Amino acid sequence: MRPVTERDIRASFINCSKGETKRLNLPKDFTDSPWEDLDFLGWRDPGAPERAYLVAERDGGLVGIALRVTSSASRGFTSRSMCSLCLTTHTSGGVALMTARRTGEAGRQGNSVGQYLCTDLACSLYVRGKKEAPGDGVIDESLTPAEKAARTQANLSTFLDKVAG
């Protein structure tokens, strides 16, 4: 992912109002993010842990979505769970159900799309071996980190299509 500015991030959101994007809390250290290792910038709102955000490059621009972490999922699972983007397995709270309000009329009617995601939204770092999931979060695969990253990007694209669709 290329480095982005605060203005870029705030202008990218497709499923929330301009007022909501002005009020959202950016990660304090986002300018120091390891951009070359990121497929998307994802973070939990430090002031409201039930909120999360994801910004990805798509079709030459940025697409951002606001997410809600379901209250039951924020307590975490007691057994292993798998992220639907990067396929990293986590134990006890490392994966949460996050929902995104759909865009357009569907979103105005209250429709949303959910995915089980890494609670820290560090999928890009997990697939590249830059961060390890607590416990044994690695599935024995023959894919290279680049192939895992491509799979994560494809899964993310499918999720963004569902939000925008």
C-alpha atoms as a PDB file:
ATOM      1  CA  MET A   1       0.000   0.000   0.000  1.00  0.00           C
ATOM      2  CA  ARG A   2       1.232   3.496  -0.707  1.00  0.00           C
ATOM      3  CA  PRO A   3       1.533   5.968   2.202  1.00  0.00           C
ATOM      4  CA  VAL A   4      -1.636   7.982   2.725  1.00  0.00           C
ATOM      5  CA  THR A   5      -2.513  11.206   4.492  1.00  0.00           C
ATOM      6  CA  GLU A   6      -5.206  11.976   7.017  1.00  0.00           C
ATOM      7  CA  ARG A   7      -7.117  13.833   4.315  1.00  0.00           C
ATOM      8  CA  ASP A   8      -6.887  10.807   1.976  1.00  0.00           C
ATOM      9  CA  ILE A   9      -8.198   8.522   4.704  1.00  0.00           C
ATOM     10  CA  ARG A  10     -11.122  10.736   5.689  1.00  0.00           C
ATOM     11  CA  ALA A  11     -12.167  11.209   2.048  1.00  0.00           C
ATOM     12  CA  SER A  12     -12.112   7.460   1.299  1.00  0.00           C
ATOM     13  CA  PHE A  13     -15.066   6.222   3.364  1.00  0.00           C
ATOM     14  CA  ILE A  14     -18.008   4.861   1.405  1.00  0.00           C
ATOM     15  CA  ASN A  15     -20.369   3.699   4.150  1.00  0.00           C
ATOM     16  CA  CYS A  16     -20.591   6.617   6.561  1.00  0.00           C
ATOM     17  CA  SER A  17     -21.393  10.307   6.492  1.00  0.00           C
ATOM     18  CA  LYS A  18     -18.908  13.150   6.133  1.00  0.00           C
ATOM     19  CA  GLY A  19     -19.652  14.094   9.724  1.00  0.00           C
ATOM     20  CA  GLU A  20     -18.793  10.601  10.904  1.00  0.00           C
ATOM     21  CA  THR A  21     -15.529  10.652   8.962  1.00  0.00           C
ATOM     22  CA  LYS A  22     -14.579  14.002  10.517  1.00  0.00           C
ATOM     23  CA  ARG A  23     -15.172  12.601  14.006  1.00  0.00           C
ATOM     24  CA  LEU A  24     -13.421   9.249  13.622  1.00  0.00           C
ATOM     25  CA  ASN A  25     -10.183   8.771  15.523  1.00  0.00           C
ATOM     26  CA  LEU A  26      -7.190   7.883  13.386  1.00  0.00           C
ATOM     27  CA  PRO A  27      -4.446   5.706  14.813  1.00  0.00           C
ATOM     28  CA  LYS A  28      -1.888   7.942  16.490  1.00  0.00           C
ATOM     29  CA  ASP A  29       1.068   6.451  14.628  1.00  0.00           C
ATOM     30  CA  PHE A  30      -0.482   5.780  11.209  1.00  0.00           C
ATOM     31  CA  THR A  31       2.168   7.887   9.438  1.00  0.00           C
ATOM     32  CA  ASP A  32       4.780   5.396  10.721  1.00  0.00           C
ATOM     33  CA  SER A  33       2.892   2.375   9.350  1.00  0.00           C
ATOM     34  CA  PRO A  34       4.938  -0.232   7.434  1.00  0.00           C
ATOM     35  CA  TRP A  35       3.237   0.776   4.159  1.00  0.00           C
ATOM     36  CA  GLU A  36       5.225  -1.613   1.952  1.00  0.00           C
ATOM     37  CA  ASP A  37       3.918  -4.543   4.038  1.00  0.00           C
ATOM     38  CA  LEU A  38       0.252  -3.461   4.138  1.00  0.00           C
ATOM     39  CA  ASP A  39      -2.562  -4.630   1.902  1.00  0.00           C
ATOM     40  CA  PHE A  40      -4.842  -2.257   3.806  1.00  0.00           C
ATOM     41  CA  LEU A  41      -4.699   0.089   6.777  1.00  0.00           C
ATOM     42  CA  GLY A  42      -6.922  -1.238   9.531  1.00  0.00           C
ATOM     43  CA  TRP A  43      -7.395  -0.068  13.103  1.00  0.00           C
ATOM     44  CA  ARG A  44      -9.691  -0.111  16.109  1.00  0.00           C
ATOM     45  CA  ASP A  45     -10.879   3.268  17.353  1.00  0.00           C
ATOM     46  CA  PRO A  46      -8.881   3.979  20.526  1.00  0.00           C
ATOM     47  CA  GLY A  47     -11.785   6.025  21.924  1.00  0.00           C
ATOM     48  CA  ALA A  48     -14.528   3.543  21.009  1.00  0.00           C
ATOM     49  CA  PRO A  49     -13.341  -0.089  20.915  1.00  0.00           C
ATOM     50  CA  GLU A  50     -16.562  -1.292  19.252  1.00  0.00           C
ATOM     51  CA  ARG A  51     -15.599   0.708  16.151  1.00  0.00           C
ATOM     52  CA  ALA A  52     -12.991  -0.277  13.599  1.00  0.00           C
ATOM     53  CA  TYR A  53     -11.931   1.083  10.231  1.00  0.00           C
ATOM     54  CA  LEU A  54     -10.341  -0.327   7.120  1.00  0.00           C
ATOM     55  CA  VAL A  55      -8.862   1.632   4.193  1.00  0.00           C
ATOM     56  CA  ALA A  56      -7.595  -0.121   1.055  1.00  0.00           C
ATOM     57  CA  GLU A  57      -6.325   0.831  -2.372  1.00  0.00           C
ATOM     58  CA  ARG A  58      -8.775  -0.070  -5.090  1.00  0.00           C
ATOM     59  CA  ASP A  59      -9.034   0.858  -8.758  1.00  0.00           C
ATOM     60  CA  GLY A  60      -6.371   3.552  -8.387  1.00  0.00           C
ATOM     61  CA  GLY A  61      -8.002   5.202  -5.364  1.00  0.00           C
ATOM     62  CA  LEU A  62      -8.754   4.526  -1.732  1.00  0.00           C
ATOM     63  CA  VAL A  63     -11.849   2.863  -0.316  1.00  0.00           C
ATOM     64  CA  GLY A  64     -12.569   3.091   3.392  1.00  0.00           C
ATOM     65  CA  ILE A  65     -15.230   1.311   5.386  1.00  0.00           C
ATOM     66  CA  ALA A  66     -16.402   1.784   8.947  1.00  0.00           C
ATOM     67  CA  LEU A  67     -16.927  -1.421  10.907  1.00  0.00           C
ATOM     68  CA  ARG A  68     -18.729  -2.333  14.105  1.00  0.00           C
ATOM     69  CA  VAL A  69     -17.332  -5.037  16.331  1.00  0.00           C
ATOM     70  CA  THR A  70     -20.236  -7.085  17.631  1.00  0.00           C
ATOM     71  CA  SER A  71     -20.512  -6.961  21.393  1.00  0.00           C
ATOM     72  CA  SER A  72     -20.549 -10.737  21.840  1.00  0.00           C
ATOM     73  CA  ALA A  73     -17.533 -11.134  19.555  1.00  0.00           C
ATOM     74  CA  SER A  74     -15.528  -8.426  21.294  1.00  0.00           C
ATOM     75  CA  ARG A  75     -15.236 -10.758  24.297  1.00  0.00           C
ATOM     76  CA  GLY A  76     -13.683 -13.284  21.972  1.00  0.00           C
ATOM     77  CA  PHE A  77     -13.937 -16.975  21.405  1.00  0.00           C
ATOM     78  CA  THR A  78     -12.823 -19.609  23.864  1.00  0.00           C
ATOM     79  CA  SER A  79     -11.409 -21.812  21.128  1.00  0.00           C
ATOM     80  CA  ARG A  80      -9.612 -21.306  17.825  1.00  0.00           C
ATOM     81  CA  SER A  81     -11.102 -18.962  15.250  1.00  0.00           C
ATOM     82  CA  MET A  82      -9.995 -18.053  11.754  1.00  0.00           C
ATOM     83  CA  CYS A  83      -9.936 -14.649  10.081  1.00  0.00           C
ATOM     84  CA  SER A  84     -11.890 -14.715   6.821  1.00  0.00           C
ATOM     85  CA  LEU A  85      -9.433 -12.342   5.107  1.00  0.00           C
ATOM     86  CA  CYS A  86      -5.988 -13.722   5.898  1.00  0.00           C
ATOM     87  CA  LEU A  87      -6.960 -17.193   7.204  1.00  0.00           C
ATOM     88  CA  THR A  88      -4.818 -16.736  10.308  1.00  0.00           C
ATOM     89  CA  THR A  89      -6.108 -18.731  13.267  1.00  0.00           C
ATOM     90  CA  HIS A  90      -6.250 -17.164  16.697  1.00  0.00           C
ATOM     91  CA  THR A  91      -7.160 -18.322  20.155  1.00  0.00           C
ATOM     92  CA  SER A  92      -9.345 -16.553  22.656  1.00  0.00           C
ATOM     93  CA  GLY A  93     -10.393 -13.193  21.276  1.00  0.00           C
ATOM     94  CA  GLY A  94      -8.035 -12.842  18.322  1.00  0.00           C
ATOM     95  CA  VAL A  95     -10.927 -12.900  15.834  1.00  0.00           C
ATOM     96  CA  ALA A  96     -14.155 -10.904  16.048  1.00  0.00           C
ATOM     97  CA  LEU A  97     -17.271 -10.553  13.934  1.00  0.00           C
ATOM     98  CA  MET A  98     -17.134  -7.101  12.354  1.00  0.00           C
ATOM     99  CA  THR A  99     -20.021  -5.683  10.387  1.00  0.00           C
ATOM    100  CA  ALA A 100     -20.054  -2.903   7.810  1.00  0.00           C
ATOM    101  CA  ARG A 101     -23.150  -0.963   6.842  1.00  0.00           C
ATOM    102  CA  ARG A 102     -23.790  -1.410   3.126  1.00  0.00           C
ATOM    103  CA  THR A 103     -23.698   1.600   0.838  1.00  0.00           C
ATOM    104  CA  GLY A 104     -26.672   3.248  -0.845  1.00  0.00           C
ATOM    105  CA  GLU A 105     -30.304   2.365  -0.274  1.00  0.00           C
ATOM    106  CA  ALA A 106     -29.430  -0.992   1.289  1.00  0.00           C
ATOM    107  CA  GLY A 107     -27.389   0.759   3.968  1.00  0.00           C
ATOM    108  CA  ARG A 108     -30.119   3.327   4.598  1.00  0.00           C
ATOM    109  CA  GLN A 109     -32.484   0.399   5.198  1.00  0.00           C
ATOM    110  CA  GLY A 110     -30.084  -0.939   7.834  1.00  0.00           C
ATOM    111  CA  ASN A 111     -28.493  -3.747   5.836  1.00  0.00           C
ATOM    112  CA  SER A 112     -24.955  -4.737   6.715  1.00  0.00           C
ATOM    113  CA  VAL A 113     -22.323  -7.311   5.813  1.00  0.00           C
ATOM    114  CA  GLY A 114     -20.243  -9.168   8.382  1.00  0.00           C
ATOM    115  CA  GLN A 115     -16.929 -10.980   8.354  1.00  0.00           C
ATOM    116  CA  TYR A 116     -14.805 -12.608  11.027  1.00  0.00           C
ATOM    117  CA  LEU A 117     -11.594 -10.566  11.084  1.00  0.00           C
ATOM    118  CA  CYS A 118      -8.408 -10.394  13.124  1.00  0.00           C
ATOM    119  CA  THR A 119      -9.309  -8.114  16.044  1.00  0.00           C
ATOM    120  CA  ASP A 120      -6.163  -6.051  15.519  1.00  0.00           C
ATOM    121  CA  LEU A 121      -6.706  -5.912  11.714  1.00  0.00           C
ATOM    122  CA  ALA A 122      -3.037  -6.815  11.206  1.00  0.00           C
ATOM    123  CA  CYS A 123      -3.798  -9.398   8.495  1.00  0.00           C
ATOM    124  CA  SER A 124      -1.104  -8.048   6.167  1.00  0.00           C
ATOM    125  CA  LEU A 125       1.584  -8.546   8.802  1.00  0.00           C
ATOM    126  CA  TYR A 126       0.412 -12.065   9.671  1.00  0.00           C
ATOM    127  CA  VAL A 127       0.543 -13.313   6.076  1.00  0.00           C
ATOM    128  CA  ARG A 128       4.003 -11.846   5.548  1.00  0.00           C
ATOM    129  CA  GLY A 129       5.388 -13.336   8.766  1.00  0.00           C
ATOM    130  CA  LYS A 130       6.000  -9.858  10.263  1.00  0.00           C
ATOM    131  CA  LYS A 131       3.703 -10.593  13.204  1.00  0.00           C
ATOM    132  CA  GLU A 132       2.751 -13.868  14.856  1.00  0.00           C
ATOM    133  CA  ALA A 133      -0.650 -14.726  16.237  1.00  0.00           C
ATOM    134  CA  PRO A 134      -0.612 -15.710  19.909  1.00  0.00           C
ATOM    135  CA  GLY A 135      -0.451 -19.475  20.229  1.00  0.00           C
ATOM    136  CA  ASP A 136      -0.001 -21.463  17.059  1.00  0.00           C
ATOM    137  CA  GLY A 137      -1.808 -19.251  14.561  1.00  0.00           C
ATOM    138  CA  VAL A 138      -0.015 -20.521  11.498  1.00  0.00           C
ATOM    139  CA  ILE A 139      -1.638 -23.083   9.257  1.00  0.00           C
ATOM    140  CA  ASP A 140       0.918 -25.279   7.558  1.00  0.00           C
ATOM    141  CA  GLU A 141       0.598 -24.100   3.955  1.00  0.00           C
ATOM    142  CA  SER A 142       2.837 -24.366   0.938  1.00  0.00           C
ATOM    143  CA  LEU A 143       1.947 -20.848  -0.243  1.00  0.00           C
ATOM    144  CA  THR A 144       4.597 -18.142  -0.283  1.00  0.00           C
ATOM    145  CA  PRO A 145       3.993 -14.918   1.641  1.00  0.00           C
ATOM    146  CA  ALA A 146       3.296 -13.187  -1.703  1.00  0.00           C
ATOM    147  CA  GLU A 147       0.648 -15.798  -2.563  1.00  0.00           C
ATOM    148  CA  LYS A 148      -0.913 -15.442   0.892  1.00  0.00           C
ATOM    149  CA  ALA A 149      -0.965 -11.656   0.426  1.00  0.00           C
ATOM    150  CA  ALA A 150      -2.657 -12.075  -2.974  1.00  0.00           C
ATOM    151  CA  ARG A 151      -5.280 -14.351  -1.382  1.00  0.00           C
ATOM    152  CA  THR A 152      -5.857 -11.794   1.385  1.00  0.00           C
ATOM    153  CA  GLN A 153      -6.287  -9.040  -1.214  1.00  0.00           C
ATOM    154  CA  ALA A 154      -8.787 -11.184  -3.151  1.00  0.00           C
ATOM    155  CA  ASN A 155     -10.769 -11.915   0.030  1.00  0.00           C
ATOM    156  CA  LEU A 156     -10.718  -8.205   0.910  1.00  0.00           C
ATOM    157  CA  SER A 157     -11.914  -7.287  -2.574  1.00  0.00           C
ATOM    158  CA  THR A 158     -14.840  -9.699  -2.238  1.00  0.00           C
ATOM    159  CA  PHE A 159     -15.758  -8.183   1.137  1.00  0.00           C
ATOM    160  CA  LEU A 160     -15.570  -4.618  -0.232  1.00  0.00           C
ATOM    161  CA  ASP A 161     -17.772  -5.678  -3.184  1.00  0.00           C
ATOM    162  CA  LYS A 162     -20.396  -6.922  -0.720  1.00  0.00           C
ATOM    163  CA  VAL A 163     -20.306  -3.639   1.214  1.00  0.00           C
ATOM    164  CA  ALA A 164     -20.516  -1.537  -1.947  1.00  0.00           C
ATOM    165  CA  GLY A 165     -22.898  -3.877  -3.797  1.00  0.00           C
END
